[in-house]
Every structure is written in structure tokens, then in C-alpha cells.
N, C-alpha and C. Protein backbone atom coordinates (compact mmCIF):
# COMPACT_ATOMS: atom_id res chain seq x y z
N UNK A 1 31.04 64.84 7.16
CA UNK A 1 29.65 65.29 7.26
C UNK A 1 29.54 66.76 6.88
N UNK A 2 28.38 67.14 6.43
CA UNK A 2 28.16 68.52 6.04
C UNK A 2 28.07 69.42 7.27
N UNK A 3 28.81 70.55 7.31
CA UNK A 3 28.70 71.46 8.44
C UNK A 3 27.28 71.99 8.57
N UNK A 4 26.86 72.29 9.79
CA UNK A 4 25.51 72.79 10.00
C UNK A 4 25.43 74.30 9.82
N UNK A 5 26.59 74.98 9.83
CA UNK A 5 26.57 76.43 9.65
C UNK A 5 26.47 76.78 8.17
N UNK A 6 25.77 77.85 7.85
CA UNK A 6 25.62 78.29 6.47
C UNK A 6 25.23 77.12 5.55
N UNK A 7 24.28 76.35 6.00
CA UNK A 7 23.93 75.10 5.34
C UNK A 7 23.58 75.28 3.87
N UNK A 8 22.82 76.32 3.56
CA UNK A 8 22.31 76.46 2.20
C UNK A 8 23.40 76.76 1.19
N UNK A 9 24.59 77.18 1.62
CA UNK A 9 25.66 77.49 0.67
C UNK A 9 26.27 76.23 0.07
N UNK A 10 25.93 75.06 0.61
CA UNK A 10 26.51 73.81 0.12
C UNK A 10 25.68 73.18 -1.00
N UNK A 11 24.58 73.80 -1.39
CA UNK A 11 23.69 73.20 -2.37
C UNK A 11 23.81 73.88 -3.72
N UNK A 12 23.80 73.06 -4.80
CA UNK A 12 24.01 73.61 -6.14
C UNK A 12 22.71 74.04 -6.80
N UNK A 13 21.57 73.65 -6.23
CA UNK A 13 20.31 74.01 -6.87
C UNK A 13 19.21 74.10 -5.83
N UNK A 14 18.31 75.05 -6.02
CA UNK A 14 17.13 75.18 -5.17
C UNK A 14 15.91 75.23 -6.07
N UNK A 15 14.93 74.40 -5.78
CA UNK A 15 13.72 74.36 -6.60
C UNK A 15 12.50 74.39 -5.70
N UNK A 16 11.44 74.96 -6.20
CA UNK A 16 10.17 74.99 -5.48
C UNK A 16 9.35 73.76 -5.88
N UNK A 17 8.99 72.95 -4.90
CA UNK A 17 8.18 71.76 -5.15
C UNK A 17 7.09 71.70 -4.09
N UNK A 18 6.19 70.75 -4.22
CA UNK A 18 5.04 70.71 -3.32
C UNK A 18 5.21 69.77 -2.13
N UNK A 19 6.19 68.84 -2.22
CA UNK A 19 6.32 67.85 -1.15
C UNK A 19 7.73 67.29 -1.10
N UNK A 20 8.03 66.59 0.00
CA UNK A 20 9.32 65.92 0.15
C UNK A 20 9.48 64.83 -0.91
N UNK A 21 8.39 64.12 -1.24
CA UNK A 21 8.44 63.08 -2.26
C UNK A 21 8.87 63.67 -3.60
N UNK A 22 8.30 64.81 -3.97
CA UNK A 22 8.67 65.46 -5.23
C UNK A 22 10.11 65.93 -5.18
N UNK A 23 10.56 66.38 -4.02
CA UNK A 23 11.96 66.80 -3.85
C UNK A 23 12.89 65.60 -4.07
N UNK A 24 12.54 64.46 -3.47
CA UNK A 24 13.35 63.25 -3.62
C UNK A 24 13.37 62.78 -5.07
N UNK A 25 12.22 62.88 -5.75
CA UNK A 25 12.16 62.50 -7.16
C UNK A 25 13.07 63.40 -8.00
N UNK A 26 13.08 64.68 -7.67
CA UNK A 26 13.93 65.62 -8.40
C UNK A 26 15.40 65.23 -8.25
N UNK A 27 15.80 64.91 -7.02
CA UNK A 27 17.19 64.51 -6.77
C UNK A 27 17.52 63.22 -7.50
N UNK A 28 16.59 62.25 -7.50
CA UNK A 28 16.86 60.95 -8.11
C UNK A 28 17.05 61.05 -9.61
N UNK A 29 16.50 62.10 -10.23
CA UNK A 29 16.60 62.25 -11.68
C UNK A 29 17.84 63.03 -12.11
N UNK A 30 18.63 63.50 -11.14
CA UNK A 30 19.85 64.24 -11.44
C UNK A 30 21.04 63.42 -10.94
N UNK A 31 21.87 62.96 -11.86
CA UNK A 31 22.96 62.06 -11.49
C UNK A 31 23.90 62.67 -10.46
N UNK A 32 24.11 63.98 -10.54
CA UNK A 32 25.06 64.63 -9.64
C UNK A 32 24.52 64.79 -8.23
N UNK A 33 23.22 64.65 -8.04
CA UNK A 33 22.62 64.89 -6.73
C UNK A 33 22.83 63.69 -5.82
N UNK A 34 23.50 63.92 -4.69
CA UNK A 34 23.71 62.84 -3.73
C UNK A 34 23.05 63.13 -2.38
N UNK A 35 22.55 64.35 -2.21
CA UNK A 35 21.98 64.73 -0.92
C UNK A 35 20.96 65.83 -1.15
N UNK A 36 19.96 65.89 -0.31
CA UNK A 36 18.97 66.95 -0.45
C UNK A 36 18.54 67.45 0.91
N UNK A 37 18.04 68.67 0.92
CA UNK A 37 17.44 69.25 2.13
C UNK A 37 16.06 69.75 1.75
N UNK A 38 15.10 69.49 2.62
CA UNK A 38 13.71 69.87 2.35
C UNK A 38 13.24 70.85 3.42
N UNK A 39 12.84 72.03 2.97
CA UNK A 39 12.28 73.04 3.85
C UNK A 39 10.77 73.01 3.69
N UNK A 40 10.09 72.36 4.64
CA UNK A 40 8.65 72.17 4.52
C UNK A 40 7.88 73.48 4.66
N UNK A 41 8.45 74.44 5.37
CA UNK A 41 7.77 75.72 5.55
C UNK A 41 7.74 76.53 4.26
N UNK A 42 8.90 76.59 3.60
CA UNK A 42 9.02 77.37 2.37
C UNK A 42 8.74 76.54 1.12
N UNK A 43 8.52 75.22 1.29
CA UNK A 43 8.34 74.31 0.16
C UNK A 43 9.53 74.42 -0.80
N UNK A 44 10.72 74.40 -0.22
CA UNK A 44 11.94 74.57 -1.00
C UNK A 44 12.79 73.31 -0.93
N UNK A 45 13.23 72.85 -2.08
CA UNK A 45 14.06 71.65 -2.20
C UNK A 45 15.47 72.08 -2.60
N UNK A 46 16.46 71.73 -1.77
CA UNK A 46 17.85 72.12 -2.05
C UNK A 46 18.67 70.87 -2.33
N UNK A 47 19.39 70.86 -3.44
CA UNK A 47 20.12 69.69 -3.91
C UNK A 47 21.62 69.88 -3.73
N UNK A 48 22.28 68.81 -3.31
CA UNK A 48 23.71 68.86 -3.04
C UNK A 48 24.39 67.76 -3.85
N UNK A 49 25.66 67.95 -4.24
CA UNK A 49 26.29 67.03 -5.17
C UNK A 49 27.45 66.23 -4.61
N UNK A 50 27.82 66.42 -3.36
CA UNK A 50 28.95 65.68 -2.81
C UNK A 50 28.52 64.30 -2.36
N UNK A 51 29.19 63.24 -2.85
CA UNK A 51 28.86 61.89 -2.43
C UNK A 51 29.41 61.62 -1.03
N UNK A 52 28.68 60.80 -0.29
CA UNK A 52 29.14 60.41 1.03
C UNK A 52 28.67 59.00 1.31
N UNK A 53 29.40 58.27 2.15
CA UNK A 53 29.03 56.90 2.49
C UNK A 53 28.05 56.96 3.65
N UNK A 54 26.82 56.56 3.40
CA UNK A 54 25.79 56.66 4.42
C UNK A 54 24.60 55.82 4.02
N UNK A 55 23.74 55.56 4.95
CA UNK A 55 22.45 55.00 4.60
C UNK A 55 21.53 56.14 4.21
N UNK A 56 20.36 55.81 3.67
CA UNK A 56 19.40 56.86 3.33
C UNK A 56 18.64 57.20 4.61
N UNK A 57 19.03 58.29 5.23
CA UNK A 57 18.46 58.65 6.52
C UNK A 57 18.06 60.11 6.52
N UNK A 58 17.34 60.51 7.53
CA UNK A 58 16.93 61.90 7.64
C UNK A 58 17.17 62.42 9.04
N UNK A 59 17.43 63.70 9.16
CA UNK A 59 17.59 64.33 10.47
C UNK A 59 17.24 65.80 10.34
N UNK A 60 16.97 66.43 11.45
CA UNK A 60 16.60 67.84 11.44
C UNK A 60 17.82 68.68 11.79
N UNK A 61 18.22 69.56 10.89
CA UNK A 61 19.33 70.47 11.13
C UNK A 61 18.90 71.86 10.69
N UNK A 62 18.95 72.81 11.59
CA UNK A 62 18.59 74.19 11.27
C UNK A 62 17.22 74.29 10.59
N UNK A 63 16.27 73.49 11.03
CA UNK A 63 14.92 73.55 10.48
C UNK A 63 14.75 72.85 9.15
N UNK A 64 15.77 72.12 8.68
CA UNK A 64 15.70 71.44 7.40
C UNK A 64 15.75 69.93 7.61
N UNK A 65 15.01 69.20 6.77
CA UNK A 65 15.12 67.74 6.75
C UNK A 65 16.23 67.37 5.78
N UNK A 66 17.26 66.66 6.26
CA UNK A 66 18.39 66.28 5.42
C UNK A 66 18.30 64.81 5.05
N UNK A 67 18.56 64.50 3.79
CA UNK A 67 18.55 63.13 3.32
C UNK A 67 19.74 62.91 2.39
N UNK A 68 20.29 61.69 2.40
CA UNK A 68 21.42 61.37 1.54
C UNK A 68 21.11 60.11 0.74
N UNK A 69 21.53 60.11 -0.52
CA UNK A 69 21.45 58.91 -1.34
C UNK A 69 22.62 58.01 -0.99
N UNK A 70 22.35 56.71 -0.86
CA UNK A 70 23.41 55.79 -0.47
C UNK A 70 24.48 55.63 -1.54
N UNK A 71 25.70 55.35 -1.11
CA UNK A 71 26.83 55.15 -2.02
C UNK A 71 27.88 54.32 -1.32
N UNK A 72 28.54 53.42 -2.06
CA UNK A 72 29.67 52.71 -1.50
C UNK A 72 30.63 52.36 -2.62
N UNK A 73 31.82 51.90 -2.24
CA UNK A 73 32.92 51.78 -3.18
C UNK A 73 32.61 50.88 -4.37
N UNK A 74 31.91 49.75 -4.15
CA UNK A 74 31.66 48.84 -5.26
C UNK A 74 30.37 49.17 -6.00
N UNK A 75 29.81 50.33 -5.73
CA UNK A 75 28.64 50.81 -6.48
C UNK A 75 28.96 52.23 -6.94
N UNK A 76 29.99 52.32 -7.78
CA UNK A 76 30.52 53.64 -8.12
C UNK A 76 30.34 54.02 -9.58
N UNK A 77 29.55 53.24 -10.32
CA UNK A 77 29.30 53.63 -11.71
C UNK A 77 28.35 54.82 -11.72
N UNK A 78 28.58 55.73 -12.63
CA UNK A 78 27.84 56.99 -12.66
C UNK A 78 26.33 56.75 -12.74
N UNK A 79 25.61 57.42 -11.85
CA UNK A 79 24.16 57.37 -11.86
C UNK A 79 23.55 56.27 -11.02
N UNK A 80 24.37 55.36 -10.48
CA UNK A 80 23.85 54.25 -9.68
C UNK A 80 23.78 54.64 -8.21
N UNK A 81 22.76 54.12 -7.53
CA UNK A 81 22.57 54.34 -6.10
C UNK A 81 22.66 53.02 -5.36
N UNK A 82 23.09 53.09 -4.11
CA UNK A 82 23.22 51.88 -3.30
C UNK A 82 22.25 51.93 -2.14
N UNK A 83 21.43 50.89 -2.02
CA UNK A 83 20.51 50.77 -0.89
C UNK A 83 21.10 49.80 0.12
N UNK A 84 21.37 50.28 1.32
CA UNK A 84 22.02 49.46 2.33
C UNK A 84 21.10 48.37 2.87
N UNK A 85 19.81 48.61 2.89
CA UNK A 85 18.89 47.63 3.45
C UNK A 85 18.84 46.36 2.62
N UNK A 86 18.75 46.51 1.30
CA UNK A 86 18.66 45.35 0.41
C UNK A 86 19.98 45.02 -0.26
N UNK A 87 21.02 45.82 0.02
CA UNK A 87 22.35 45.64 -0.59
C UNK A 87 22.24 45.64 -2.11
N UNK A 88 21.52 46.63 -2.63
CA UNK A 88 21.25 46.72 -4.07
C UNK A 88 21.90 47.96 -4.66
N UNK A 89 22.63 47.77 -5.75
CA UNK A 89 23.21 48.87 -6.52
C UNK A 89 22.40 48.99 -7.80
N UNK A 90 21.66 50.07 -7.96
CA UNK A 90 20.70 50.14 -9.05
C UNK A 90 20.61 51.53 -9.65
N UNK A 91 20.01 51.58 -10.84
CA UNK A 91 19.82 52.86 -11.53
C UNK A 91 18.52 52.80 -12.31
N UNK A 92 17.74 53.86 -12.20
CA UNK A 92 16.54 54.02 -13.02
C UNK A 92 16.93 54.79 -14.28
N UNK A 93 16.87 54.12 -15.42
CA UNK A 93 17.17 54.77 -16.69
C UNK A 93 15.92 55.47 -17.21
N UNK A 94 16.10 56.68 -17.67
CA UNK A 94 15.01 57.49 -18.22
C UNK A 94 15.51 58.12 -19.51
N UNK A 95 15.01 57.65 -20.63
CA UNK A 95 15.51 58.17 -21.89
C UNK A 95 14.64 57.74 -23.04
N UNK A 96 15.22 57.63 -24.22
CA UNK A 96 14.45 57.17 -25.38
C UNK A 96 13.82 55.81 -25.11
N UNK A 97 12.60 55.62 -25.58
CA UNK A 97 11.88 54.38 -25.32
C UNK A 97 12.58 53.19 -25.96
N UNK A 98 12.66 52.10 -25.20
CA UNK A 98 13.32 50.88 -25.68
C UNK A 98 12.46 49.67 -25.32
N UNK A 99 12.70 48.58 -26.02
CA UNK A 99 12.03 47.32 -25.69
C UNK A 99 12.71 46.69 -24.47
N UNK A 100 12.08 45.65 -23.93
CA UNK A 100 12.68 44.93 -22.81
C UNK A 100 14.03 44.36 -23.21
N UNK A 101 14.09 43.79 -24.40
CA UNK A 101 15.33 43.18 -24.89
C UNK A 101 16.44 44.23 -25.01
N UNK A 102 16.10 45.40 -25.53
CA UNK A 102 17.08 46.48 -25.66
C UNK A 102 17.50 47.01 -24.30
N UNK A 103 16.55 47.12 -23.38
CA UNK A 103 16.87 47.58 -22.03
C UNK A 103 17.86 46.64 -21.36
N UNK A 104 17.65 45.35 -21.53
CA UNK A 104 18.57 44.39 -20.91
C UNK A 104 19.97 44.52 -21.50
N UNK A 105 20.05 44.75 -22.80
CA UNK A 105 21.36 44.91 -23.45
C UNK A 105 22.10 46.13 -22.89
N UNK A 106 21.36 47.20 -22.62
CA UNK A 106 21.97 48.41 -22.05
C UNK A 106 22.50 48.12 -20.65
N UNK A 107 21.71 47.40 -19.85
CA UNK A 107 22.16 47.04 -18.50
C UNK A 107 23.44 46.20 -18.57
N UNK A 108 23.49 45.27 -19.50
CA UNK A 108 24.67 44.41 -19.63
C UNK A 108 25.89 45.22 -20.05
N UNK A 109 25.69 46.25 -20.86
CA UNK A 109 26.81 47.13 -21.24
C UNK A 109 27.38 47.83 -20.01
N UNK A 110 26.55 48.06 -19.01
CA UNK A 110 26.98 48.69 -17.77
C UNK A 110 27.62 47.69 -16.81
N UNK A 111 27.61 46.42 -17.18
CA UNK A 111 28.18 45.40 -16.31
C UNK A 111 27.17 44.78 -15.37
N UNK A 112 25.88 45.00 -15.63
CA UNK A 112 24.85 44.45 -14.77
C UNK A 112 23.77 43.75 -15.55
N UNK A 113 22.53 43.89 -15.09
CA UNK A 113 21.39 43.28 -15.76
C UNK A 113 20.13 44.00 -15.31
N UNK A 114 19.03 43.76 -16.00
CA UNK A 114 17.75 44.24 -15.49
C UNK A 114 17.53 43.65 -14.11
N UNK A 115 16.97 44.43 -13.22
CA UNK A 115 16.94 44.08 -11.81
C UNK A 115 16.07 42.86 -11.52
N UNK A 116 16.58 41.99 -10.65
CA UNK A 116 15.82 40.85 -10.13
C UNK A 116 15.30 41.21 -8.74
N UNK A 117 14.04 40.87 -8.48
CA UNK A 117 13.40 41.24 -7.21
C UNK A 117 12.79 39.97 -6.62
N UNK A 118 13.42 39.42 -5.62
CA UNK A 118 12.98 38.12 -5.10
C UNK A 118 12.50 38.16 -3.66
N UNK A 119 12.48 39.35 -3.05
CA UNK A 119 11.98 39.47 -1.69
C UNK A 119 11.01 40.65 -1.60
N UNK A 120 10.12 40.61 -0.63
CA UNK A 120 9.18 41.71 -0.45
C UNK A 120 9.92 42.99 -0.05
N UNK A 121 10.97 42.84 0.76
CA UNK A 121 11.75 44.01 1.17
C UNK A 121 12.32 44.74 -0.06
N UNK A 122 12.85 43.97 -0.99
CA UNK A 122 13.44 44.58 -2.19
C UNK A 122 12.35 45.15 -3.09
N UNK A 123 11.22 44.45 -3.19
CA UNK A 123 10.11 44.97 -3.98
C UNK A 123 9.66 46.32 -3.45
N UNK A 124 9.46 46.41 -2.14
CA UNK A 124 9.00 47.66 -1.54
C UNK A 124 9.99 48.78 -1.80
N UNK A 125 11.29 48.47 -1.71
CA UNK A 125 12.30 49.50 -1.97
C UNK A 125 12.28 49.95 -3.43
N UNK A 126 12.29 48.99 -4.36
CA UNK A 126 12.33 49.33 -5.78
C UNK A 126 11.08 50.10 -6.18
N UNK A 127 9.93 49.66 -5.70
CA UNK A 127 8.67 50.34 -6.03
C UNK A 127 8.71 51.79 -5.56
N UNK A 128 9.27 52.02 -4.37
CA UNK A 128 9.40 53.38 -3.86
C UNK A 128 10.45 54.17 -4.65
N UNK A 129 11.54 53.50 -5.01
CA UNK A 129 12.66 54.15 -5.70
C UNK A 129 12.24 54.69 -7.06
N UNK A 130 11.33 53.99 -7.75
CA UNK A 130 10.97 54.40 -9.11
C UNK A 130 9.61 55.10 -9.16
N UNK A 131 9.14 55.63 -8.04
CA UNK A 131 7.81 56.24 -8.03
C UNK A 131 7.71 57.45 -8.95
N UNK A 132 8.84 58.01 -9.36
CA UNK A 132 8.81 59.12 -10.31
C UNK A 132 8.47 58.64 -11.71
N UNK A 133 8.60 57.35 -11.95
CA UNK A 133 8.33 56.79 -13.27
C UNK A 133 6.85 56.45 -13.40
N UNK A 134 6.47 56.06 -14.60
CA UNK A 134 5.11 55.60 -14.86
C UNK A 134 5.11 54.08 -14.92
N UNK A 135 5.88 53.56 -15.87
CA UNK A 135 6.06 52.12 -16.04
C UNK A 135 7.54 51.87 -16.30
N UNK A 136 8.09 50.83 -15.71
CA UNK A 136 9.52 50.55 -15.89
C UNK A 136 9.76 49.06 -16.10
N UNK A 137 10.58 48.75 -17.10
CA UNK A 137 10.99 47.36 -17.32
C UNK A 137 11.83 46.87 -16.14
N UNK A 138 11.63 45.61 -15.75
CA UNK A 138 12.47 44.96 -14.75
C UNK A 138 12.90 43.60 -15.29
N UNK A 139 13.76 42.90 -14.54
CA UNK A 139 14.39 41.69 -15.05
C UNK A 139 13.60 40.41 -14.86
N UNK A 140 12.38 40.38 -15.34
CA UNK A 140 11.55 39.18 -15.24
C UNK A 140 11.04 38.81 -16.63
N UNK A 141 11.33 37.59 -17.06
CA UNK A 141 10.89 37.11 -18.36
C UNK A 141 10.48 35.65 -18.25
N UNK A 142 9.31 35.36 -18.76
CA UNK A 142 8.79 33.99 -18.72
C UNK A 142 8.83 33.44 -17.29
N UNK A 143 8.45 34.31 -16.34
CA UNK A 143 8.37 33.96 -14.91
C UNK A 143 9.71 33.50 -14.33
N UNK A 144 10.79 34.02 -14.90
CA UNK A 144 12.13 33.75 -14.37
C UNK A 144 12.90 35.06 -14.31
N UNK A 145 13.51 35.34 -13.16
CA UNK A 145 14.30 36.55 -13.01
C UNK A 145 15.62 36.42 -13.78
N UNK A 146 16.22 37.55 -14.10
CA UNK A 146 17.48 37.52 -14.85
C UNK A 146 18.61 36.87 -14.07
N UNK A 147 18.47 36.73 -12.76
CA UNK A 147 19.49 36.03 -11.97
C UNK A 147 19.26 34.53 -11.92
N UNK A 148 18.24 34.05 -12.67
CA UNK A 148 17.98 32.62 -12.77
C UNK A 148 16.97 32.07 -11.79
N UNK A 149 16.48 32.90 -10.87
CA UNK A 149 15.52 32.45 -9.86
C UNK A 149 14.11 32.49 -10.43
N UNK A 150 13.34 31.44 -10.19
CA UNK A 150 11.95 31.39 -10.65
C UNK A 150 11.09 32.37 -9.87
N UNK A 151 10.09 32.93 -10.54
CA UNK A 151 9.22 33.91 -9.90
C UNK A 151 8.33 33.25 -8.86
N UNK A 152 8.29 33.86 -7.68
CA UNK A 152 7.34 33.50 -6.63
C UNK A 152 6.77 34.80 -6.10
N UNK A 153 5.46 34.90 -6.04
CA UNK A 153 4.83 36.15 -5.60
C UNK A 153 4.85 36.22 -4.07
N UNK A 154 5.93 36.80 -3.55
CA UNK A 154 6.06 37.01 -2.10
C UNK A 154 5.80 38.47 -1.75
N UNK A 155 5.25 39.24 -2.71
CA UNK A 155 5.15 40.69 -2.55
C UNK A 155 3.82 41.15 -1.98
N UNK A 156 2.87 40.25 -1.82
CA UNK A 156 1.54 40.60 -1.34
C UNK A 156 0.87 41.60 -2.29
N UNK A 157 0.97 41.31 -3.60
CA UNK A 157 0.36 42.15 -4.63
C UNK A 157 -0.32 41.26 -5.66
N UNK A 158 -1.19 41.86 -6.46
CA UNK A 158 -1.79 41.16 -7.59
C UNK A 158 -0.85 41.26 -8.79
N UNK A 159 -0.69 40.18 -9.52
CA UNK A 159 0.17 40.18 -10.70
C UNK A 159 -0.60 39.65 -11.90
N UNK A 160 -0.13 40.00 -13.08
CA UNK A 160 -0.70 39.47 -14.32
C UNK A 160 0.46 39.03 -15.20
N UNK A 161 0.81 37.76 -15.07
CA UNK A 161 1.92 37.19 -15.84
C UNK A 161 1.37 36.03 -16.66
N UNK A 162 0.73 36.37 -17.76
CA UNK A 162 0.06 35.35 -18.57
C UNK A 162 0.60 35.25 -19.99
N UNK A 163 1.70 36.00 -20.28
CA UNK A 163 2.32 35.97 -21.61
C UNK A 163 1.29 36.22 -22.70
N UNK A 164 0.35 37.12 -22.41
CA UNK A 164 -0.70 37.47 -23.36
C UNK A 164 -0.34 38.78 -24.02
N UNK A 165 -0.36 38.83 -25.33
CA UNK A 165 0.02 40.04 -26.05
C UNK A 165 -0.78 41.25 -25.66
N UNK A 166 -2.06 41.09 -25.41
CA UNK A 166 -2.89 42.16 -24.89
C UNK A 166 -3.32 43.20 -25.91
N UNK A 167 -2.68 43.25 -27.07
CA UNK A 167 -3.04 44.25 -28.06
C UNK A 167 -2.58 43.80 -29.44
N UNK A 168 -3.41 44.06 -30.43
CA UNK A 168 -3.05 43.69 -31.80
C UNK A 168 -1.82 44.45 -32.28
N UNK A 169 -1.50 45.57 -31.62
CA UNK A 169 -0.34 46.37 -32.02
C UNK A 169 0.94 45.55 -31.95
N UNK A 170 0.99 44.61 -30.99
CA UNK A 170 2.21 43.82 -30.78
C UNK A 170 2.03 42.38 -31.24
N UNK A 171 1.09 42.18 -32.16
CA UNK A 171 0.77 40.82 -32.60
C UNK A 171 1.94 40.14 -33.31
N UNK A 172 2.86 40.93 -33.85
CA UNK A 172 4.00 40.35 -34.56
C UNK A 172 5.11 39.87 -33.63
N UNK A 173 4.99 40.19 -32.35
CA UNK A 173 6.00 39.72 -31.40
C UNK A 173 5.73 38.26 -31.07
N UNK A 174 6.79 37.51 -30.86
CA UNK A 174 6.64 36.09 -30.53
C UNK A 174 6.79 35.83 -29.04
N UNK A 175 7.05 36.89 -28.26
CA UNK A 175 7.26 36.72 -26.83
C UNK A 175 6.60 37.87 -26.08
N UNK A 176 5.63 37.53 -25.23
CA UNK A 176 4.91 38.55 -24.46
C UNK A 176 5.15 38.38 -22.96
N UNK A 177 6.26 37.75 -22.59
CA UNK A 177 6.45 37.34 -21.19
C UNK A 177 7.36 38.25 -20.39
N UNK A 178 7.67 39.46 -20.90
CA UNK A 178 8.61 40.35 -20.23
C UNK A 178 7.88 41.33 -19.31
N UNK A 179 8.34 41.44 -18.08
CA UNK A 179 7.57 42.14 -17.06
C UNK A 179 8.02 43.58 -16.86
N UNK A 180 7.05 44.37 -16.41
CA UNK A 180 7.30 45.76 -16.04
C UNK A 180 6.54 46.07 -14.75
N UNK A 181 7.06 47.04 -14.01
CA UNK A 181 6.35 47.55 -12.83
C UNK A 181 5.52 48.75 -13.28
N UNK A 182 4.25 48.74 -12.91
CA UNK A 182 3.33 49.82 -13.25
C UNK A 182 3.05 50.62 -11.97
N UNK A 183 3.42 51.89 -11.98
CA UNK A 183 3.27 52.73 -10.79
C UNK A 183 1.90 53.40 -10.76
N UNK A 184 1.57 54.09 -11.83
CA UNK A 184 0.33 54.87 -11.87
C UNK A 184 -0.76 54.06 -12.55
N UNK A 185 -1.36 53.16 -11.77
CA UNK A 185 -2.36 52.27 -12.34
C UNK A 185 -3.33 51.81 -11.27
N UNK A 186 -4.53 51.47 -11.70
CA UNK A 186 -5.51 50.86 -10.80
C UNK A 186 -5.55 49.35 -10.98
N UNK A 187 -4.69 48.86 -11.88
CA UNK A 187 -4.63 47.42 -12.14
C UNK A 187 -3.43 46.81 -11.42
N UNK A 188 -3.05 45.60 -11.84
CA UNK A 188 -1.93 44.91 -11.21
C UNK A 188 -0.64 45.70 -11.41
N UNK A 189 0.15 45.91 -10.35
CA UNK A 189 1.39 46.68 -10.49
C UNK A 189 2.52 45.90 -11.16
N UNK A 190 2.35 44.59 -11.33
CA UNK A 190 3.36 43.78 -12.01
C UNK A 190 2.68 43.00 -13.12
N UNK A 191 3.04 43.33 -14.38
CA UNK A 191 2.40 42.68 -15.52
C UNK A 191 3.45 42.42 -16.61
N UNK A 192 3.16 41.43 -17.46
CA UNK A 192 4.08 41.16 -18.57
C UNK A 192 3.57 41.80 -19.85
N UNK A 193 4.52 42.02 -20.77
CA UNK A 193 4.28 42.76 -22.01
C UNK A 193 5.05 42.12 -23.16
N UNK A 194 4.87 42.69 -24.32
CA UNK A 194 5.68 42.34 -25.49
C UNK A 194 7.16 42.61 -25.19
N UNK A 195 8.02 41.65 -25.50
CA UNK A 195 9.44 41.78 -25.18
C UNK A 195 10.23 42.57 -26.21
N UNK A 196 9.81 42.53 -27.46
CA UNK A 196 10.64 43.05 -28.54
C UNK A 196 10.05 44.23 -29.31
N UNK A 197 8.75 44.47 -29.13
CA UNK A 197 8.11 45.55 -29.88
C UNK A 197 7.62 46.66 -28.96
N UNK A 198 7.04 46.30 -27.82
CA UNK A 198 6.55 47.31 -26.87
C UNK A 198 7.72 48.13 -26.33
N UNK A 199 7.63 49.45 -26.41
CA UNK A 199 8.70 50.33 -25.97
C UNK A 199 8.31 51.09 -24.71
N UNK A 200 9.28 51.26 -23.81
CA UNK A 200 9.05 52.03 -22.59
C UNK A 200 10.26 52.92 -22.31
N UNK A 201 9.99 54.07 -21.68
CA UNK A 201 11.05 55.04 -21.41
C UNK A 201 11.90 54.69 -20.20
N UNK A 202 11.33 53.92 -19.27
CA UNK A 202 12.04 53.65 -18.02
C UNK A 202 12.39 52.17 -17.90
N UNK A 203 13.56 51.90 -17.30
CA UNK A 203 13.92 50.54 -16.92
C UNK A 203 14.94 50.62 -15.79
N UNK A 204 15.03 49.53 -15.01
CA UNK A 204 15.88 49.52 -13.82
C UNK A 204 17.00 48.51 -13.98
N UNK A 205 18.23 49.00 -13.94
CA UNK A 205 19.41 48.13 -14.01
C UNK A 205 19.97 47.91 -12.61
N UNK A 206 20.59 46.76 -12.44
CA UNK A 206 21.22 46.41 -11.16
C UNK A 206 22.63 45.90 -11.44
N UNK A 207 23.61 46.44 -10.71
CA UNK A 207 24.97 45.91 -10.78
C UNK A 207 25.10 44.79 -9.76
N UNK A 208 25.63 43.68 -10.18
CA UNK A 208 25.68 42.49 -9.33
C UNK A 208 27.12 42.23 -8.88
């Protein structure tokens, strides 16, 4: 465990942000960050890079809120986080825009797949985990998850899975059934899109 004395000397970066959520988003976007401390008085976010085996929890030490990103031995690929509640090893990719098909190929290169979400508990976690993103590809195509399970809406949300191209821009695609999670929207948070032409910067991989 991190010593409580001289706490701030253990952090590799300090940034000014407006909230704990923004601090957590900052940590999640830096692969080396495994722990953070939030000073609500000074609006200061301090990032730490030492991995530790823990759940994602918080406690008050020397006036700071401490949080750790989960990690365990079989979730040790660079950039992946482990959630103990849902037993999920996952990573939010943020880079050059790719199609759903390309995103899945990248996940498979990592030894996993685009994430399957079959419970409300996992949906709530993933939705919170990727809140820094705008829209992210997930492992749902033609109402079937990449793990082979058929889609059932157990999430208590509105969905739009109608395999409708939605725009003439993607009229040349033959498959519009690939799903993404939409974070910043007033519409359905789960909708399907063009699988091979529509490009997005974010996607979520899961190691199985």
C-alpha cells in the first residue's frame, strides 16, 4: 500500500481539473496511470503509476480522495483494466478512426474481442468506464454479441437496433447491424451503424 506520509511525492503528474470525474477520465487515458488522488479543495488531480491488486475503491488520506484502477495477474496486457465486480478485463482504445470490422480485428490481435455486455451490471460499468468517449464500438452485430449470446435488452434503456443505414454516406455498405454506445446524446445510447464504412475513434476490447 502507498505510505500516507509525503503522499504527493509518489505521483508522476499533477493536473488542474474541475471534478473527480474529469480526474478519473485523465487517469483512464494514460496507460501508466494506475492510481489517482483528488484534492477537491485545490481542484488538483495527482496521478500515480504503480500497479497494485485492488478493487476500485476510495478512501480519505491526508485530505485526499484515493482511487486505484483494478489489476490482476491474468489481466496484464498493457493498457487493460480489470473490474472486480463484473470480472471484466477491458480497454478503451482511442486513436485513428476505424470501422467496426477493423476494431474487432485489433481486439483479436490483442487476444480478445470487442466487448460483450449481457448484464445490466456490466452495462452500467462499461457505460461509466467510457464516459470520456463520445461514441464507442462494442461487440454487438446483427443482435448477437461477439461471445455468441443473442441480444436481450436487460439494461433498462432505449435501443435502436434496426440495421438501418441511416445515411446515404454509408449506402455502399451491405451491413448496418454493428452497434456502438453513444455517451453524449439525447437519443438511444445503444444504436447500430454501418459495419465497414462508418469510422469511429473509440472502441472497447475485452480479454476473455
